[in-house]
Amino acid sequence: MENLFKAVPYLGAYQPAFLVIAILSMVILVQNFLTAPLAYAKEEQVPGLPLRHDHSKLSFRAVRTYQNSAESFPAFIAATLVAIAGGASPLVINAAAAVYLVARLVFWAVYYSGVGRVAGGPRTMAFVLCLLSNIVIASAAILAMI
């Protein structure tokens, strides 16, 4: 067997969504790795303790960005895999996954850079777009299963 997509042609239609999962996994792992030099090496943050400072500090933003990723990624994976297993439209799932990825990358870039307002600015808009994309995927999964 060369790969699962060739062995199970049905899955081939969802290959873009699987690629998004792989890319997001890699980015989250890199974020996890970056928390050490950006937050803990300068001793601005202490592992295992509540965050110190606020959004004005890169160390705070680096840890919060990783935490947000770790909190939201499981729901995205679960919804996507259930949608695929349930036979939801590949077009809908792949498009929503792509929107989620782009919005997530914008969210990370804005959060790391500290651009915009803390609430209601571009970071919030990107987060809401991620949330809406995930709702579309989960809704498609539910509709495909009923």
N, C-alpha and C. Protein backbone atom coordinates (compact mmCIF):
# COMPACT_ATOMS: atom_id res chain seq x y z
N MET A 1 0.85 -1.18 0.00
CA MET A 1 0.00 0.00 0.00
C MET A 1 0.89 1.24 0.00
N GLU A 2 0.67 2.09 -0.97
CA GLU A 2 1.47 3.30 -1.09
C GLU A 2 1.07 4.33 -0.02
N ASN A 3 -0.23 4.61 0.09
CA ASN A 3 -0.74 5.45 1.17
C ASN A 3 -2.24 5.21 1.31
N LEU A 4 -2.79 5.68 2.38
CA LEU A 4 -4.20 5.43 2.69
C LEU A 4 -5.13 6.10 1.67
N PHE A 5 -4.72 7.21 1.11
CA PHE A 5 -5.56 7.90 0.14
C PHE A 5 -5.73 7.07 -1.14
N LYS A 6 -4.72 6.31 -1.49
CA LYS A 6 -4.82 5.44 -2.67
C LYS A 6 -5.53 4.14 -2.34
N ALA A 7 -5.35 3.67 -1.11
CA ALA A 7 -5.99 2.43 -0.69
C ALA A 7 -7.49 2.64 -0.48
N VAL A 8 -7.87 3.81 -0.02
CA VAL A 8 -9.28 4.13 0.22
C VAL A 8 -9.60 5.40 -0.58
N PRO A 9 -9.97 5.24 -1.84
CA PRO A 9 -10.18 6.40 -2.72
C PRO A 9 -11.17 7.43 -2.15
N TYR A 10 -12.11 6.98 -1.36
CA TYR A 10 -13.07 7.89 -0.73
C TYR A 10 -12.35 9.00 0.03
N LEU A 11 -11.26 8.67 0.71
CA LEU A 11 -10.54 9.65 1.52
C LEU A 11 -9.79 10.68 0.67
N GLY A 12 -9.49 10.33 -0.56
CA GLY A 12 -8.75 11.23 -1.44
C GLY A 12 -9.44 12.57 -1.63
N ALA A 13 -10.76 12.57 -1.60
CA ALA A 13 -11.51 13.81 -1.77
C ALA A 13 -11.28 14.76 -0.60
N TYR A 14 -10.86 14.22 0.54
CA TYR A 14 -10.65 15.02 1.75
C TYR A 14 -9.17 15.30 2.01
N GLN A 15 -8.32 14.99 1.06
CA GLN A 15 -6.89 15.18 1.27
C GLN A 15 -6.53 16.63 1.66
N PRO A 16 -7.16 17.66 1.09
CA PRO A 16 -6.84 19.02 1.54
C PRO A 16 -7.12 19.24 3.03
N ALA A 17 -8.21 18.68 3.54
CA ALA A 17 -8.53 18.82 4.96
C ALA A 17 -7.48 18.11 5.82
N PHE A 18 -7.04 16.94 5.38
CA PHE A 18 -5.98 16.24 6.11
C PHE A 18 -4.68 17.04 6.08
N LEU A 19 -4.40 17.68 4.97
CA LEU A 19 -3.21 18.52 4.86
C LEU A 19 -3.29 19.69 5.85
N VAL A 20 -4.47 20.29 5.98
CA VAL A 20 -4.66 21.37 6.94
C VAL A 20 -4.38 20.87 8.36
N ILE A 21 -4.87 19.68 8.69
CA ILE A 21 -4.61 19.11 10.02
C ILE A 21 -3.10 18.95 10.23
N ALA A 22 -2.39 18.46 9.22
CA ALA A 22 -0.94 18.27 9.35
C ALA A 22 -0.22 19.61 9.52
N ILE A 23 -0.60 20.60 8.74
CA ILE A 23 0.03 21.92 8.83
C ILE A 23 -0.23 22.54 10.20
N LEU A 24 -1.48 22.47 10.66
CA LEU A 24 -1.80 23.02 11.97
C LEU A 24 -1.04 22.30 13.08
N SER A 25 -0.91 20.99 12.95
CA SER A 25 -0.14 20.22 13.94
C SER A 25 1.29 20.72 14.01
N MET A 26 1.89 20.92 12.86
CA MET A 26 3.28 21.39 12.82
C MET A 26 3.41 22.80 13.41
N VAL A 27 2.49 23.68 13.06
CA VAL A 27 2.57 25.05 13.56
C VAL A 27 2.39 25.07 15.08
N ILE A 28 1.49 24.27 15.60
CA ILE A 28 1.28 24.23 17.05
C ILE A 28 2.51 23.66 17.75
N LEU A 29 3.15 22.67 17.17
CA LEU A 29 4.39 22.14 17.75
C LEU A 29 5.49 23.20 17.75
N VAL A 30 5.58 23.97 16.68
CA VAL A 30 6.56 25.06 16.62
C VAL A 30 6.23 26.11 17.67
N GLN A 31 4.94 26.44 17.82
CA GLN A 31 4.55 27.40 18.86
C GLN A 31 4.97 26.90 20.24
N ASN A 32 4.73 25.63 20.50
CA ASN A 32 5.11 25.04 21.78
C ASN A 32 6.61 25.21 22.00
N PHE A 33 7.38 24.92 20.97
CA PHE A 33 8.83 25.05 21.05
C PHE A 33 9.24 26.51 21.30
N LEU A 34 8.54 27.45 20.67
CA LEU A 34 8.89 28.87 20.79
C LEU A 34 8.58 29.46 22.16
N THR A 35 7.72 28.81 22.93
CA THR A 35 7.42 29.37 24.24
C THR A 35 8.66 29.43 25.13
N ALA A 36 9.59 28.50 24.95
CA ALA A 36 10.80 28.51 25.80
C ALA A 36 11.63 29.76 25.58
N PRO A 37 12.07 30.04 24.34
CA PRO A 37 12.90 31.25 24.19
C PRO A 37 12.12 32.56 24.30
N LEU A 38 10.85 32.55 23.94
CA LEU A 38 10.09 33.80 23.95
C LEU A 38 9.49 34.14 25.32
N ALA A 39 9.28 33.13 26.16
CA ALA A 39 8.61 33.41 27.42
C ALA A 39 9.39 32.97 28.65
N TYR A 40 10.03 31.81 28.57
CA TYR A 40 10.63 31.26 29.78
C TYR A 40 12.11 31.55 29.91
N ALA A 41 12.83 31.72 28.82
CA ALA A 41 14.27 31.97 28.90
C ALA A 41 14.58 33.30 29.59
N LYS A 42 13.74 34.29 29.36
CA LYS A 42 13.94 35.60 29.99
C LYS A 42 13.38 35.64 31.41
N GLU A 43 12.78 34.54 31.82
CA GLU A 43 12.16 34.40 33.14
C GLU A 43 11.04 35.41 33.37
N GLU A 44 10.40 35.83 32.27
CA GLU A 44 9.22 36.69 32.42
C GLU A 44 8.01 35.86 32.81
N GLN A 45 8.03 34.59 32.42
CA GLN A 45 6.96 33.67 32.76
C GLN A 45 7.57 32.48 33.48
N VAL A 46 6.77 31.82 34.31
CA VAL A 46 7.23 30.63 35.04
C VAL A 46 6.34 29.47 34.64
N PRO A 47 6.92 28.39 34.09
CA PRO A 47 6.10 27.25 33.67
C PRO A 47 5.24 26.73 34.84
N GLY A 48 3.98 26.45 34.54
CA GLY A 48 3.08 25.89 35.53
C GLY A 48 2.40 26.90 36.43
N LEU A 49 2.79 28.15 36.34
CA LEU A 49 2.17 29.19 37.17
C LEU A 49 1.33 30.11 36.28
N PRO A 50 0.39 30.84 36.88
CA PRO A 50 -0.40 31.80 36.08
C PRO A 50 0.51 32.79 35.36
N LEU A 51 0.05 33.23 34.21
CA LEU A 51 0.83 34.17 33.42
C LEU A 51 0.99 35.50 34.15
N ARG A 52 2.16 36.08 33.98
CA ARG A 52 2.43 37.40 34.53
C ARG A 52 2.37 38.42 33.40
N HIS A 53 2.20 39.65 33.74
CA HIS A 53 2.16 40.78 32.81
C HIS A 53 0.84 40.79 32.05
N ASP A 54 0.85 41.37 30.85
CA ASP A 54 -0.37 41.47 30.05
C ASP A 54 0.01 41.42 28.57
N HIS A 55 -0.95 41.76 27.70
CA HIS A 55 -0.73 41.67 26.26
C HIS A 55 0.42 42.54 25.75
N SER A 56 0.90 43.45 26.54
CA SER A 56 2.00 44.31 26.11
C SER A 56 3.33 43.55 26.05
N LYS A 57 3.42 42.40 26.70
CA LYS A 57 4.65 41.59 26.74
C LYS A 57 4.57 40.44 25.74
N LEU A 58 5.60 40.28 24.93
CA LEU A 58 5.67 39.17 23.99
C LEU A 58 5.60 37.83 24.72
N SER A 59 6.21 37.74 25.88
CA SER A 59 6.19 36.47 26.62
C SER A 59 4.76 36.06 26.94
N PHE A 60 3.93 36.99 27.31
CA PHE A 60 2.51 36.72 27.60
C PHE A 60 1.80 36.26 26.33
N ARG A 61 2.01 37.00 25.24
CA ARG A 61 1.33 36.69 23.98
C ARG A 61 1.77 35.34 23.43
N ALA A 62 3.05 34.99 23.57
CA ALA A 62 3.56 33.72 23.06
C ALA A 62 2.90 32.54 23.78
N VAL A 63 2.81 32.63 25.08
CA VAL A 63 2.20 31.54 25.84
C VAL A 63 0.70 31.48 25.57
N ARG A 64 0.04 32.62 25.54
CA ARG A 64 -1.41 32.62 25.29
C ARG A 64 -1.74 32.13 23.88
N THR A 65 -0.91 32.46 22.91
CA THR A 65 -1.15 31.98 21.55
C THR A 65 -1.06 30.46 21.52
N TYR A 66 -0.03 29.92 22.15
CA TYR A 66 0.09 28.45 22.20
C TYR A 66 -1.09 27.84 22.95
N GLN A 67 -1.45 28.40 24.10
CA GLN A 67 -2.56 27.85 24.88
C GLN A 67 -3.86 27.88 24.07
N ASN A 68 -4.10 28.97 23.36
CA ASN A 68 -5.30 29.07 22.55
C ASN A 68 -5.30 28.02 21.46
N SER A 69 -4.15 27.79 20.86
CA SER A 69 -4.04 26.76 19.82
C SER A 69 -4.33 25.38 20.39
N ALA A 70 -3.72 25.09 21.54
CA ALA A 70 -3.91 23.79 22.18
C ALA A 70 -5.36 23.58 22.61
N GLU A 71 -6.04 24.65 22.95
CA GLU A 71 -7.44 24.55 23.37
C GLU A 71 -8.41 24.38 22.20
N SER A 72 -8.13 25.02 21.09
CA SER A 72 -9.08 24.99 19.97
C SER A 72 -8.84 23.88 18.96
N PHE A 73 -7.62 23.38 18.88
CA PHE A 73 -7.27 22.38 17.87
C PHE A 73 -8.05 21.06 18.02
N PRO A 74 -8.24 20.54 19.23
CA PRO A 74 -8.98 19.27 19.35
C PRO A 74 -10.40 19.33 18.77
N ALA A 75 -11.09 20.43 18.97
CA ALA A 75 -12.45 20.55 18.43
C ALA A 75 -12.41 20.56 16.90
N PHE A 76 -11.40 21.22 16.33
CA PHE A 76 -11.27 21.25 14.87
C PHE A 76 -11.00 19.84 14.33
N ILE A 77 -10.07 19.12 14.95
CA ILE A 77 -9.76 17.77 14.49
C ILE A 77 -10.98 16.87 14.61
N ALA A 78 -11.64 16.91 15.77
CA ALA A 78 -12.79 16.04 15.99
C ALA A 78 -13.89 16.32 14.96
N ALA A 79 -14.23 17.58 14.77
CA ALA A 79 -15.29 17.93 13.82
C ALA A 79 -14.91 17.50 12.41
N THR A 80 -13.66 17.72 12.04
CA THR A 80 -13.21 17.37 10.68
C THR A 80 -13.24 15.87 10.47
N LEU A 81 -12.74 15.11 11.41
CA LEU A 81 -12.72 13.64 11.25
C LEU A 81 -14.13 13.05 11.27
N VAL A 82 -15.01 13.57 12.11
CA VAL A 82 -16.39 13.09 12.12
C VAL A 82 -17.08 13.45 10.81
N ALA A 83 -16.82 14.64 10.30
CA ALA A 83 -17.41 15.05 9.02
C ALA A 83 -16.94 14.13 7.89
N ILE A 84 -15.67 13.79 7.90
CA ILE A 84 -15.13 12.89 6.87
C ILE A 84 -15.74 11.50 7.01
N ALA A 85 -15.76 10.99 8.24
CA ALA A 85 -16.33 9.66 8.48
C ALA A 85 -17.81 9.62 8.12
N GLY A 86 -18.50 10.72 8.35
CA GLY A 86 -19.94 10.78 8.06
C GLY A 86 -20.28 11.03 6.61
N GLY A 87 -19.27 11.36 5.81
CA GLY A 87 -19.51 11.59 4.39
C GLY A 87 -20.01 12.99 4.05
N ALA A 88 -19.67 13.96 4.87
CA ALA A 88 -20.05 15.35 4.56
C ALA A 88 -19.38 15.78 3.26
N SER A 89 -19.93 16.77 2.64
CA SER A 89 -19.43 17.26 1.36
C SER A 89 -17.94 17.60 1.43
N PRO A 90 -17.11 16.96 0.60
CA PRO A 90 -15.69 17.29 0.59
C PRO A 90 -15.43 18.76 0.26
N LEU A 91 -16.24 19.33 -0.61
CA LEU A 91 -16.08 20.74 -0.96
C LEU A 91 -16.27 21.63 0.26
N VAL A 92 -17.30 21.37 1.03
CA VAL A 92 -17.58 22.17 2.23
C VAL A 92 -16.47 21.97 3.26
N ILE A 93 -16.10 20.72 3.51
CA ILE A 93 -15.10 20.42 4.54
C ILE A 93 -13.73 21.00 4.15
N ASN A 94 -13.31 20.78 2.92
CA ASN A 94 -12.01 21.29 2.48
C ASN A 94 -11.97 22.82 2.49
N ALA A 95 -13.06 23.45 2.03
CA ALA A 95 -13.10 24.92 2.01
C ALA A 95 -13.10 25.49 3.42
N ALA A 96 -13.91 24.91 4.30
CA ALA A 96 -13.97 25.41 5.68
C ALA A 96 -12.64 25.17 6.40
N ALA A 97 -12.00 24.04 6.12
CA ALA A 97 -10.69 23.77 6.72
C ALA A 97 -9.65 24.77 6.23
N ALA A 98 -9.70 25.12 4.95
CA ALA A 98 -8.76 26.10 4.40
C ALA A 98 -8.99 27.48 5.03
N VAL A 99 -10.24 27.86 5.17
CA VAL A 99 -10.56 29.14 5.82
C VAL A 99 -10.05 29.12 7.26
N TYR A 100 -10.27 28.01 7.96
CA TYR A 100 -9.80 27.87 9.34
C TYR A 100 -8.28 28.06 9.40
N LEU A 101 -7.57 27.40 8.49
CA LEU A 101 -6.11 27.50 8.48
C LEU A 101 -5.65 28.94 8.25
N VAL A 102 -6.18 29.59 7.25
CA VAL A 102 -5.78 30.97 6.94
C VAL A 102 -6.11 31.89 8.12
N ALA A 103 -7.31 31.76 8.66
CA ALA A 103 -7.71 32.60 9.78
C ALA A 103 -6.83 32.33 11.00
N ARG A 104 -6.46 31.08 11.20
CA ARG A 104 -5.60 30.71 12.34
C ARG A 104 -4.22 31.34 12.17
N LEU A 105 -3.68 31.29 10.95
CA LEU A 105 -2.37 31.89 10.70
C LEU A 105 -2.41 33.40 10.91
N VAL A 106 -3.50 34.03 10.48
CA VAL A 106 -3.67 35.48 10.71
C VAL A 106 -3.76 35.75 12.21
N PHE A 107 -4.55 34.93 12.91
CA PHE A 107 -4.68 35.08 14.36
C PHE A 107 -3.32 35.03 15.03
N TRP A 108 -2.52 34.02 14.69
CA TRP A 108 -1.19 33.87 15.30
C TRP A 108 -0.30 35.07 14.97
N ALA A 109 -0.30 35.48 13.71
CA ALA A 109 0.56 36.60 13.31
C ALA A 109 0.18 37.88 14.05
N VAL A 110 -1.12 38.13 14.14
CA VAL A 110 -1.59 39.34 14.82
C VAL A 110 -1.29 39.27 16.32
N TYR A 111 -1.52 38.09 16.90
CA TYR A 111 -1.31 37.96 18.35
C TYR A 111 0.18 38.09 18.69
N TYR A 112 1.04 37.40 17.95
CA TYR A 112 2.48 37.50 18.21
C TYR A 112 2.97 38.94 18.04
N SER A 113 2.49 39.61 17.01
CA SER A 113 2.98 40.96 16.72
C SER A 113 2.41 42.00 17.68
N GLY A 114 1.29 41.69 18.30
CA GLY A 114 0.67 42.64 19.21
C GLY A 114 -0.06 43.77 18.51
N VAL A 115 -0.38 43.59 17.24
CA VAL A 115 -1.07 44.61 16.45
C VAL A 115 -2.55 44.65 16.83
N GLY A 116 -3.09 45.82 16.89
CA GLY A 116 -4.53 45.98 17.10
C GLY A 116 -4.92 45.96 18.57
N ARG A 117 -6.20 46.14 18.78
CA ARG A 117 -6.75 46.15 20.13
C ARG A 117 -6.75 44.74 20.71
N VAL A 118 -6.74 44.67 22.03
CA VAL A 118 -6.77 43.38 22.71
C VAL A 118 -8.09 42.67 22.44
N ALA A 119 -9.20 43.38 22.48
CA ALA A 119 -10.51 42.79 22.21
C ALA A 119 -11.19 43.59 21.11
N GLY A 120 -11.80 42.88 20.18
CA GLY A 120 -12.55 43.53 19.12
C GLY A 120 -11.73 43.97 17.92
N GLY A 121 -10.44 43.68 17.94
CA GLY A 121 -9.57 44.06 16.83
C GLY A 121 -9.40 42.92 15.84
N PRO A 122 -8.33 42.96 15.04
CA PRO A 122 -8.11 41.94 14.02
C PRO A 122 -7.92 40.54 14.59
N ARG A 123 -7.33 40.43 15.77
CA ARG A 123 -7.15 39.12 16.38
C ARG A 123 -8.51 38.50 16.71
N THR A 124 -9.41 39.31 17.25
CA THR A 124 -10.75 38.82 17.57
C THR A 124 -11.48 38.41 16.30
N MET A 125 -11.36 39.21 15.25
CA MET A 125 -12.03 38.88 13.98
C MET A 125 -11.50 37.56 13.41
N ALA A 126 -10.19 37.36 13.48
CA ALA A 126 -9.62 36.10 12.98
C ALA A 126 -10.09 34.93 13.84
N PHE A 127 -10.16 35.12 15.15
CA PHE A 127 -10.63 34.06 16.04
C PHE A 127 -12.07 33.69 15.72
N VAL A 128 -12.91 34.70 15.52
CA VAL A 128 -14.32 34.45 15.20
C VAL A 128 -14.43 33.70 13.87
N LEU A 129 -13.62 34.06 12.89
CA LEU A 129 -13.64 33.35 11.61
C LEU A 129 -13.24 31.88 11.80
N CYS A 130 -12.26 31.63 12.65
CA CYS A 130 -11.88 30.24 12.98
C CYS A 130 -13.06 29.51 13.60
N LEU A 131 -13.69 30.15 14.55
CA LEU A 131 -14.82 29.56 15.24
C LEU A 131 -15.96 29.26 14.26
N LEU A 132 -16.27 30.21 13.40
CA LEU A 132 -17.34 30.00 12.41
C LEU A 132 -16.99 28.87 11.44
N SER A 133 -15.74 28.79 11.02
CA SER A 133 -15.32 27.70 10.14
C SER A 133 -15.50 26.35 10.82
N ASN A 134 -15.15 26.30 12.09
CA ASN A 134 -15.30 25.06 12.83
C ASN A 134 -16.78 24.70 13.01
N ILE A 135 -17.61 25.70 13.21
CA ILE A 135 -19.06 25.46 13.32
C ILE A 135 -19.61 24.91 12.01
N VAL A 136 -19.13 25.44 10.88
CA VAL A 136 -19.57 24.92 9.57
C VAL A 136 -19.18 23.46 9.44
N ILE A 137 -17.95 23.11 9.81
CA ILE A 137 -17.51 21.71 9.72
C ILE A 137 -18.35 20.82 10.64
N ALA A 138 -18.53 21.23 11.88
CA ALA A 138 -19.31 20.43 12.82
C ALA A 138 -20.76 20.29 12.36
N SER A 139 -21.34 21.36 11.83
CA SER A 139 -22.70 21.31 11.31
C SER A 139 -22.81 20.35 10.13
N ALA A 140 -21.82 20.42 9.24
CA ALA A 140 -21.80 19.50 8.09
C ALA A 140 -21.70 18.06 8.56
N ALA A 141 -20.91 17.83 9.61
CA ALA A 141 -20.79 16.48 10.17
C ALA A 141 -22.13 15.99 10.70
N ILE A 142 -22.79 16.85 11.45
CA ILE A 142 -24.08 16.47 12.04
C ILE A 142 -25.11 16.20 10.94
N LEU A 143 -25.17 17.09 9.96
CA LEU A 143 -26.14 16.92 8.86
C LEU A 143 -25.86 15.64 8.07
N ALA A 144 -24.59 15.30 7.90
CA ALA A 144 -24.26 14.09 7.16
C ALA A 144 -24.63 12.82 7.94
N MET A 145 -24.70 12.93 9.26
CA MET A 145 -24.95 11.76 10.08
C MET A 145 -26.43 11.54 10.40
N ILE A 146 -27.26 12.54 10.14
CA ILE A 146 -28.68 12.34 10.45
C ILE A 146 -29.48 12.00 9.21
